[in-house]
Amino acid sequence: MESVTVMDERTDFVRLLVQNQHRIYGYILALLPDFAAADDVYQETCTVLWQKFAQFEPGTDFFRWASTVARFKVLKHRQRRGREALLVGDSFLSVVEAEVQRQAPHWDLRRQALAQCLQQLPDADRRLLQARYEANVDVQTLAAQRQRTVFAIYKALTRIRQSLLTCIERRVAVETAP
């Protein structure tokens, strides 16, 4: 019987982490805008969340609990970095954290809208975005691969991002309209 409970707990943890992983990482990145450091802190946060999952109260806000753990990991990281990390003060971090907490409920809606808007893009635009952001191909390489100028690639990416932003805002407005 105990193994069933352990499996249920693991399943619940994985489900909640997958549902919130982008929000948690985004939260860390907002407090610590260095991708390498954010990756490290995210991994440390996930480890602590796993170790302390038994303390999480089912039915409460997993993201709020996880972001508290993440904040302590960010602060610990800043302490390890010493003077370098002091370029941004704790009061600034508190303001950013409050704003992230305020905006968090809207992220899921925007992420869903983004997924729908990406599906509506022409295939060529979607392939360009995937190459640039999923495969992390630099603009110079994309230009060479497509026999276009670097400026043309930047212009295309800007146009596509603007199109996505407009689509997302339109979808969110429809979803949140009374």
Foldseek 3Di string as FASTA:
>chain_A
DVVVVVVVLVVVLVVLCVVCVVLLLVLLCLLPVDVVVSVVLSVVLSVVCVVCVVVDDPPDDPSVVSNVSSVVSSVVVLVVVPPVSPVDPPVNSVVSNVVSVVCVVVVVLLVVQLVVQLVVDDPVLNVLCCVCPVVVDDLVVVCVVVVHDSVVSVVSVVVSVVSSVVSSVVSVCVVPPD
